[in-house]
């Protein structure tokens, strides 16, 4: 009979859904989108051990469930909104939000389908500088 190796301290096995919930809480608690390695670091700060492959599996599952979304250009994750929302993020501080762009998505998808494509994945991301970062650098103008 094979002998079981004792687990290292702090390396207790967690159920996938438990990890998923922890990762969602970490992402929700961040003011900026997080990479998989940011999430690993967050676990380490709380003295919990997790390996990147576990995080990637959870992130994949959470995306499939529609709980989080990947910001492609940042290779980072935030809480998911509606499919017809664009992610808008600050290039300086990482603050992010979403805006509704339903009609824009409809128009783009209609044009793409007219070209014979289907099973579309429409991703809209907008980067810039938030009002706070602009005001701190003194570059805010009258129009905002």
N, C-alpha and C. Protein backbone atom coordinates (compact mmCIF):
# COMPACT_ATOMS: atom_id res chain seq x y z
N UNK A 1 0.84 -1.18 0.00
CA UNK A 1 0.00 0.00 0.00
C UNK A 1 0.89 1.24 0.00
N UNK A 2 0.67 2.19 -0.95
CA UNK A 2 1.51 3.38 -1.02
C UNK A 2 1.29 4.27 0.19
N UNK A 3 2.36 4.89 0.65
CA UNK A 3 2.23 5.79 1.78
C UNK A 3 1.93 7.19 1.29
N UNK A 4 1.07 7.88 2.02
CA UNK A 4 0.71 9.26 1.68
C UNK A 4 1.76 10.20 2.25
N UNK A 5 2.20 11.16 1.46
CA UNK A 5 3.13 12.16 1.96
C UNK A 5 2.37 13.15 2.83
N UNK A 6 2.95 13.53 3.97
CA UNK A 6 2.27 14.56 4.77
C UNK A 6 2.32 15.88 4.03
N UNK A 7 1.26 16.65 4.15
CA UNK A 7 1.21 17.94 3.47
C UNK A 7 1.96 18.97 4.30
N UNK A 8 2.60 19.88 3.61
CA UNK A 8 3.33 20.95 4.27
C UNK A 8 2.36 21.87 4.99
N UNK A 9 2.84 22.50 6.04
CA UNK A 9 2.00 23.43 6.79
C UNK A 9 1.49 24.51 5.85
N UNK A 10 0.22 24.87 5.98
CA UNK A 10 -0.37 25.91 5.14
C UNK A 10 -0.73 25.42 3.75
N UNK A 11 -0.57 24.14 3.48
CA UNK A 11 -0.84 23.60 2.15
C UNK A 11 -2.00 22.61 2.22
N UNK A 12 -3.05 22.97 2.93
CA UNK A 12 -4.20 22.08 3.01
C UNK A 12 -4.97 22.15 1.72
N UNK A 13 -5.50 21.02 1.33
CA UNK A 13 -6.24 20.92 0.08
C UNK A 13 -7.59 21.61 0.22
N UNK A 14 -7.93 22.43 -0.78
CA UNK A 14 -9.19 23.15 -0.79
C UNK A 14 -10.02 22.70 -1.98
N UNK A 15 -11.31 22.71 -1.81
CA UNK A 15 -12.21 22.36 -2.91
C UNK A 15 -12.15 23.44 -3.98
N UNK A 16 -12.31 23.07 -5.26
CA UNK A 16 -12.24 24.07 -6.34
C UNK A 16 -13.17 25.26 -6.11
N UNK A 17 -14.40 25.01 -5.68
CA UNK A 17 -15.33 26.13 -5.49
C UNK A 17 -14.86 27.06 -4.37
N UNK A 18 -14.23 26.49 -3.36
CA UNK A 18 -13.69 27.30 -2.27
C UNK A 18 -12.60 28.23 -2.80
N UNK A 19 -11.72 27.70 -3.64
CA UNK A 19 -10.68 28.52 -4.26
C UNK A 19 -11.29 29.58 -5.17
N UNK A 20 -12.29 29.17 -5.95
CA UNK A 20 -12.97 30.12 -6.84
C UNK A 20 -13.50 31.30 -6.03
N UNK A 21 -14.17 30.99 -4.92
CA UNK A 21 -14.75 32.04 -4.08
C UNK A 21 -13.68 32.97 -3.52
N UNK A 22 -12.57 32.39 -3.08
CA UNK A 22 -11.47 33.21 -2.56
C UNK A 22 -10.90 34.12 -3.64
N UNK A 23 -10.75 33.58 -4.84
CA UNK A 23 -10.19 34.38 -5.94
C UNK A 23 -11.14 35.50 -6.33
N UNK A 24 -12.43 35.22 -6.39
CA UNK A 24 -13.41 36.27 -6.70
C UNK A 24 -13.34 37.38 -5.65
N UNK A 25 -13.24 37.01 -4.37
CA UNK A 25 -13.15 38.02 -3.30
C UNK A 25 -11.89 38.87 -3.46
N UNK A 26 -10.78 38.23 -3.82
CA UNK A 26 -9.53 38.97 -4.03
C UNK A 26 -9.70 39.96 -5.18
N UNK A 27 -10.29 39.51 -6.28
CA UNK A 27 -10.48 40.38 -7.44
C UNK A 27 -11.45 41.51 -7.10
N UNK A 28 -12.55 41.19 -6.39
CA UNK A 28 -13.51 42.22 -6.00
C UNK A 28 -12.88 43.26 -5.08
N UNK A 29 -11.96 42.83 -4.24
CA UNK A 29 -11.34 43.74 -3.29
C UNK A 29 -10.24 44.62 -3.86
N UNK A 30 -9.92 44.43 -5.12
CA UNK A 30 -8.85 45.21 -5.73
C UNK A 30 -9.42 46.37 -6.53
N UNK A 31 -8.74 47.50 -6.46
CA UNK A 31 -9.21 48.64 -7.25
C UNK A 31 -8.70 48.57 -8.68
N UNK A 32 -7.78 47.63 -8.94
CA UNK A 32 -7.25 47.48 -10.30
C UNK A 32 -7.36 46.02 -10.73
N UNK A 33 -7.38 45.76 -12.02
CA UNK A 33 -7.40 44.38 -12.51
C UNK A 33 -6.15 43.64 -12.04
N UNK A 34 -6.29 42.35 -11.78
CA UNK A 34 -5.20 41.54 -11.24
C UNK A 34 -4.77 40.46 -12.21
N UNK A 35 -3.46 40.25 -12.30
CA UNK A 35 -2.94 39.12 -13.07
C UNK A 35 -2.99 37.87 -12.20
N UNK A 36 -2.76 36.73 -12.80
CA UNK A 36 -2.73 35.48 -12.04
C UNK A 36 -1.64 35.54 -10.97
N UNK A 37 -0.51 36.14 -11.30
CA UNK A 37 0.59 36.23 -10.33
C UNK A 37 0.27 37.22 -9.22
N UNK A 38 -0.51 38.27 -9.49
CA UNK A 38 -0.98 39.16 -8.43
C UNK A 38 -1.83 38.36 -7.44
N UNK A 39 -2.64 37.45 -7.96
CA UNK A 39 -3.50 36.63 -7.11
C UNK A 39 -2.67 35.68 -6.27
N UNK A 40 -1.65 35.06 -6.87
CA UNK A 40 -0.73 34.19 -6.11
C UNK A 40 -0.09 35.00 -4.98
N UNK A 41 0.36 36.21 -5.28
CA UNK A 41 0.98 37.07 -4.27
C UNK A 41 0.00 37.42 -3.15
N UNK A 42 -1.26 37.64 -3.51
CA UNK A 42 -2.28 37.95 -2.51
C UNK A 42 -2.46 36.78 -1.54
N UNK A 43 -2.46 35.57 -2.07
CA UNK A 43 -2.54 34.38 -1.21
C UNK A 43 -1.32 34.32 -0.30
N UNK A 44 -0.15 34.60 -0.84
CA UNK A 44 1.10 34.54 -0.07
C UNK A 44 1.08 35.55 1.08
N UNK A 45 0.56 36.75 0.82
CA UNK A 45 0.47 37.77 1.87
C UNK A 45 -0.43 37.32 3.01
N UNK A 46 -1.39 36.46 2.70
CA UNK A 46 -2.30 35.93 3.73
C UNK A 46 -1.80 34.60 4.27
N UNK A 47 -0.55 34.28 3.93
CA UNK A 47 0.11 33.05 4.39
C UNK A 47 -0.63 31.79 3.94
N UNK A 48 -1.16 31.86 2.73
CA UNK A 48 -1.79 30.70 2.11
C UNK A 48 -1.00 30.38 0.86
N UNK A 49 -0.73 29.11 0.66
CA UNK A 49 0.07 28.71 -0.49
C UNK A 49 -0.84 28.26 -1.63
N UNK A 50 -0.55 28.77 -2.82
CA UNK A 50 -1.26 28.35 -4.02
C UNK A 50 -0.28 28.47 -5.18
N UNK A 51 -0.35 27.56 -6.11
CA UNK A 51 0.56 27.60 -7.25
C UNK A 51 -0.15 28.22 -8.45
N UNK A 52 0.61 28.83 -9.34
CA UNK A 52 0.00 29.50 -10.49
C UNK A 52 -0.95 28.60 -11.29
N UNK A 53 -0.61 27.32 -11.45
CA UNK A 53 -1.49 26.45 -12.24
C UNK A 53 -2.88 26.32 -11.61
N UNK A 54 -2.95 26.33 -10.27
CA UNK A 54 -4.25 26.30 -9.60
C UNK A 54 -5.03 27.58 -9.91
N UNK A 55 -4.33 28.70 -9.86
CA UNK A 55 -4.98 29.98 -10.12
C UNK A 55 -5.49 30.03 -11.56
N UNK A 56 -4.67 29.59 -12.50
CA UNK A 56 -5.11 29.59 -13.90
C UNK A 56 -6.33 28.70 -14.12
N UNK A 57 -6.37 27.54 -13.47
CA UNK A 57 -7.56 26.67 -13.60
C UNK A 57 -8.80 27.37 -13.04
N UNK A 58 -8.65 28.00 -11.88
CA UNK A 58 -9.78 28.72 -11.28
C UNK A 58 -10.23 29.88 -12.17
N UNK A 59 -9.27 30.63 -12.69
CA UNK A 59 -9.62 31.77 -13.55
C UNK A 59 -10.36 31.30 -14.80
N UNK A 60 -9.91 30.20 -15.36
CA UNK A 60 -10.60 29.63 -16.54
C UNK A 60 -12.04 29.27 -16.19
N UNK A 61 -12.20 28.59 -15.07
CA UNK A 61 -13.54 28.17 -14.63
C UNK A 61 -14.41 29.40 -14.34
N UNK A 62 -13.87 30.40 -13.67
CA UNK A 62 -14.63 31.60 -13.33
C UNK A 62 -15.03 32.38 -14.58
N UNK A 63 -14.18 32.38 -15.60
CA UNK A 63 -14.54 33.03 -16.87
C UNK A 63 -15.68 32.27 -17.54
N UNK A 64 -15.59 30.94 -17.55
CA UNK A 64 -16.64 30.13 -18.16
C UNK A 64 -17.97 30.33 -17.45
N UNK A 65 -17.93 30.55 -16.14
CA UNK A 65 -19.14 30.79 -15.36
C UNK A 65 -19.65 32.23 -15.49
N UNK A 66 -18.84 33.08 -16.11
CA UNK A 66 -19.23 34.47 -16.30
C UNK A 66 -19.05 35.33 -15.05
N UNK A 67 -18.26 34.87 -14.09
CA UNK A 67 -18.07 35.62 -12.85
C UNK A 67 -16.95 36.66 -12.95
N UNK A 68 -15.97 36.38 -13.81
CA UNK A 68 -14.88 37.33 -14.01
C UNK A 68 -14.67 37.50 -15.50
N UNK A 69 -13.93 38.52 -15.87
CA UNK A 69 -13.58 38.71 -17.26
C UNK A 69 -12.10 39.05 -17.35
N UNK A 70 -11.52 38.68 -18.46
CA UNK A 70 -10.11 38.96 -18.71
C UNK A 70 -10.01 40.24 -19.50
N UNK A 71 -9.17 41.14 -19.04
CA UNK A 71 -8.88 42.34 -19.81
C UNK A 71 -7.67 41.95 -20.66
N UNK A 72 -7.94 41.69 -21.92
CA UNK A 72 -6.95 41.11 -22.82
C UNK A 72 -5.66 41.94 -22.89
N UNK A 73 -5.80 43.23 -23.05
CA UNK A 73 -4.62 44.07 -23.24
C UNK A 73 -3.75 44.16 -21.99
N UNK A 74 -4.31 43.89 -20.82
CA UNK A 74 -3.54 43.92 -19.57
C UNK A 74 -3.13 42.53 -19.10
N UNK A 75 -3.74 41.51 -19.71
CA UNK A 75 -3.55 40.13 -19.23
C UNK A 75 -3.88 40.05 -17.75
N UNK A 76 -5.01 40.66 -17.40
CA UNK A 76 -5.44 40.73 -16.01
C UNK A 76 -6.95 40.50 -15.94
N UNK A 77 -7.46 40.35 -14.73
CA UNK A 77 -8.85 39.97 -14.54
C UNK A 77 -9.57 40.95 -13.63
N UNK A 78 -10.87 41.12 -13.91
CA UNK A 78 -11.74 41.92 -13.06
C UNK A 78 -13.08 41.20 -12.98
N UNK A 79 -13.93 41.69 -12.11
CA UNK A 79 -15.26 41.10 -11.97
C UNK A 79 -16.01 41.33 -13.27
N UNK A 80 -16.76 40.34 -13.70
CA UNK A 80 -17.48 40.44 -14.97
C UNK A 80 -18.72 41.29 -14.83
N UNK A 81 -18.97 42.02 -15.87
CA UNK A 81 -20.22 42.76 -15.98
C UNK A 81 -21.05 42.08 -17.06
N UNK A 82 -21.87 42.84 -17.65
CA UNK A 82 -22.67 42.32 -18.76
C UNK A 82 -21.79 42.14 -19.99
N UNK A 83 -22.18 41.24 -20.85
CA UNK A 83 -21.42 40.98 -22.08
C UNK A 83 -21.33 42.22 -22.96
N UNK A 84 -22.30 43.05 -22.88
CA UNK A 84 -22.36 44.23 -23.74
C UNK A 84 -21.80 45.47 -23.04
N UNK A 85 -20.77 45.24 -22.24
CA UNK A 85 -20.08 46.34 -21.58
C UNK A 85 -18.63 46.39 -22.03
N UNK A 86 -18.11 47.60 -22.10
CA UNK A 86 -16.69 47.78 -22.39
C UNK A 86 -15.98 48.04 -21.07
N UNK A 87 -14.78 47.53 -20.94
CA UNK A 87 -13.96 47.82 -19.78
C UNK A 87 -13.15 49.06 -20.08
N UNK A 88 -13.17 50.00 -19.16
CA UNK A 88 -12.42 51.24 -19.29
C UNK A 88 -11.46 51.27 -18.10
N UNK A 89 -10.16 51.44 -18.39
CA UNK A 89 -9.20 51.43 -17.28
C UNK A 89 -8.16 52.53 -17.44
N UNK A 90 -7.63 52.96 -16.28
CA UNK A 90 -6.61 54.00 -16.23
C UNK A 90 -5.24 53.35 -16.39
N UNK A 91 -4.47 53.86 -17.33
CA UNK A 91 -3.13 53.33 -17.59
C UNK A 91 -2.15 53.63 -16.47
N UNK A 92 -2.46 54.63 -15.64
CA UNK A 92 -1.55 54.99 -14.55
C UNK A 92 -1.84 54.25 -13.26
N UNK A 93 -3.07 54.35 -12.77
CA UNK A 93 -3.37 53.78 -11.45
C UNK A 93 -4.10 52.44 -11.51
N UNK A 94 -4.60 52.08 -12.67
CA UNK A 94 -5.27 50.79 -12.82
C UNK A 94 -6.75 50.78 -12.47
N UNK A 95 -7.27 51.90 -12.01
CA UNK A 95 -8.70 51.97 -11.71
C UNK A 95 -9.48 51.56 -12.96
N UNK A 96 -10.57 50.82 -12.77
CA UNK A 96 -11.33 50.39 -13.93
C UNK A 96 -12.83 50.46 -13.65
N UNK A 97 -13.56 50.54 -14.72
CA UNK A 97 -15.01 50.55 -14.66
C UNK A 97 -15.53 49.95 -15.96
N UNK A 98 -16.83 49.86 -16.08
CA UNK A 98 -17.41 49.39 -17.33
C UNK A 98 -18.46 50.40 -17.79
N UNK A 99 -18.67 50.43 -19.10
CA UNK A 99 -19.72 51.27 -19.66
C UNK A 99 -20.56 50.40 -20.60
N UNK A 100 -21.84 50.69 -20.67
CA UNK A 100 -22.75 49.94 -21.53
C UNK A 100 -22.54 50.37 -22.99
N UNK A 101 -22.33 49.39 -23.85
CA UNK A 101 -22.13 49.69 -25.28
C UNK A 101 -22.97 48.74 -26.14
N UNK A 102 -24.12 48.36 -25.64
CA UNK A 102 -24.96 47.38 -26.31
C UNK A 102 -25.21 47.64 -27.79
N UNK A 103 -25.57 48.87 -28.13
CA UNK A 103 -25.86 49.18 -29.53
C UNK A 103 -24.61 49.09 -30.39
N UNK A 104 -23.47 49.49 -29.85
CA UNK A 104 -22.22 49.41 -30.60
C UNK A 104 -21.89 47.95 -30.88
N UNK A 105 -22.02 47.09 -29.87
CA UNK A 105 -21.74 45.66 -30.04
C UNK A 105 -22.69 45.07 -31.07
N UNK A 106 -23.97 45.42 -30.98
CA UNK A 106 -24.95 44.92 -31.95
C UNK A 106 -24.55 45.29 -33.37
N UNK A 107 -24.15 46.55 -33.58
CA UNK A 107 -23.77 47.03 -34.91
C UNK A 107 -22.54 46.29 -35.43
N UNK A 108 -21.53 46.14 -34.58
CA UNK A 108 -20.30 45.44 -34.99
C UNK A 108 -20.61 43.99 -35.31
N UNK A 109 -21.34 43.31 -34.43
CA UNK A 109 -21.64 41.90 -34.66
C UNK A 109 -22.50 41.68 -35.90
N UNK A 110 -23.41 42.59 -36.16
CA UNK A 110 -24.23 42.49 -37.37
C UNK A 110 -23.35 42.59 -38.62
N UNK A 111 -22.41 43.54 -38.61
CA UNK A 111 -21.51 43.71 -39.75
C UNK A 111 -20.61 42.48 -39.93
N UNK A 112 -20.14 41.92 -38.84
CA UNK A 112 -19.26 40.75 -38.91
C UNK A 112 -20.03 39.53 -39.40
N UNK A 113 -21.25 39.36 -38.92
CA UNK A 113 -22.08 38.23 -39.38
C UNK A 113 -22.37 38.35 -40.87
N UNK A 114 -22.53 39.58 -41.35
CA UNK A 114 -22.77 39.81 -42.78
C UNK A 114 -21.57 39.35 -43.61
N UNK A 115 -20.40 39.27 -42.99
CA UNK A 115 -19.19 38.78 -43.66
C UNK A 115 -19.04 37.27 -43.52
N UNK A 116 -20.04 36.61 -42.89
CA UNK A 116 -20.04 35.15 -42.81
C UNK A 116 -19.45 34.56 -41.54
N UNK A 117 -19.18 35.37 -40.53
CA UNK A 117 -18.62 34.86 -39.27
C UNK A 117 -19.74 34.58 -38.27
N UNK A 118 -19.49 33.61 -37.39
CA UNK A 118 -20.41 33.37 -36.28
C UNK A 118 -19.59 32.98 -35.04
N UNK A 119 -20.26 32.59 -33.98
CA UNK A 119 -19.61 32.28 -32.70
C UNK A 119 -18.65 33.40 -32.32
N UNK A 120 -19.19 34.61 -32.29
CA UNK A 120 -18.38 35.80 -32.08
C UNK A 120 -18.01 36.01 -30.61
N UNK A 121 -16.85 36.54 -30.42
CA UNK A 121 -16.38 36.95 -29.10
C UNK A 121 -15.97 38.41 -29.26
N UNK A 122 -16.82 39.30 -28.79
CA UNK A 122 -16.57 40.73 -28.94
C UNK A 122 -16.00 41.28 -27.64
N UNK A 123 -14.81 41.87 -27.74
CA UNK A 123 -14.13 42.42 -26.57
C UNK A 123 -13.84 43.88 -26.87
N UNK A 124 -14.33 44.75 -26.00
CA UNK A 124 -14.05 46.18 -26.16
C UNK A 124 -13.39 46.65 -24.88
N UNK A 125 -12.19 47.21 -25.05
CA UNK A 125 -11.42 47.74 -23.93
C UNK A 125 -10.94 49.13 -24.30
N UNK A 126 -11.02 50.03 -23.35
CA UNK A 126 -10.59 51.40 -23.59
C UNK A 126 -9.64 51.78 -22.46
N UNK A 127 -8.48 52.31 -22.84
CA UNK A 127 -7.54 52.76 -21.82
C UNK A 127 -7.33 54.25 -21.94
N UNK A 128 -6.98 54.85 -20.85
CA UNK A 128 -6.71 56.28 -20.82
C UNK A 128 -6.23 56.65 -19.43
N UNK A 129 -6.46 57.90 -19.05
CA UNK A 129 -6.09 58.35 -17.72
C UNK A 129 -7.34 58.84 -17.01
N UNK A 130 -7.53 58.39 -15.79
CA UNK A 130 -8.72 58.78 -15.03
C UNK A 130 -8.60 60.24 -14.57
N UNK A 131 -9.71 60.77 -14.13
CA UNK A 131 -9.75 62.17 -13.70
C UNK A 131 -8.78 62.42 -12.55
N UNK A 132 -8.70 61.49 -11.61
CA UNK A 132 -7.81 61.66 -10.45
C UNK A 132 -6.35 61.77 -10.90
N UNK A 133 -5.92 60.87 -11.78
CA UNK A 133 -4.54 60.90 -12.26
C UNK A 133 -4.27 62.16 -13.08
N UNK A 134 -5.23 62.57 -13.87
CA UNK A 134 -5.05 63.81 -14.66
C UNK A 134 -4.95 65.02 -13.74
N UNK A 135 -5.80 65.07 -12.70
CA UNK A 135 -5.76 66.24 -11.79
C UNK A 135 -4.47 66.24 -10.97
N UNK A 136 -3.97 65.06 -10.58
CA UNK A 136 -2.73 64.99 -9.82
C UNK A 136 -1.53 65.44 -10.65
N UNK A 137 -1.60 65.24 -11.97
CA UNK A 137 -0.49 65.67 -12.83
C UNK A 137 -0.73 67.08 -13.40
N UNK A 138 -1.89 67.66 -13.05
CA UNK A 138 -2.18 69.02 -13.49
C UNK A 138 -2.58 69.13 -14.95
N UNK A 139 -3.06 68.05 -15.56
CA UNK A 139 -3.42 68.11 -16.99
C UNK A 139 -4.90 68.04 -17.24
N UNK A 140 -5.71 68.35 -16.23
CA UNK A 140 -7.16 68.33 -16.44
C UNK A 140 -7.57 69.66 -17.07
N UNK A 141 -8.44 69.61 -18.05
CA UNK A 141 -8.89 70.84 -18.70
C UNK A 141 -10.34 71.10 -18.36
N UNK A 142 -10.85 72.20 -18.84
CA UNK A 142 -12.23 72.61 -18.55
C UNK A 142 -13.24 71.57 -19.00
N UNK A 143 -13.00 70.87 -20.10
CA UNK A 143 -13.94 69.89 -20.64
C UNK A 143 -13.87 68.58 -19.88
N UNK A 144 -12.86 68.35 -19.06
CA UNK A 144 -12.74 67.12 -18.29
C UNK A 144 -11.82 66.21 -18.94
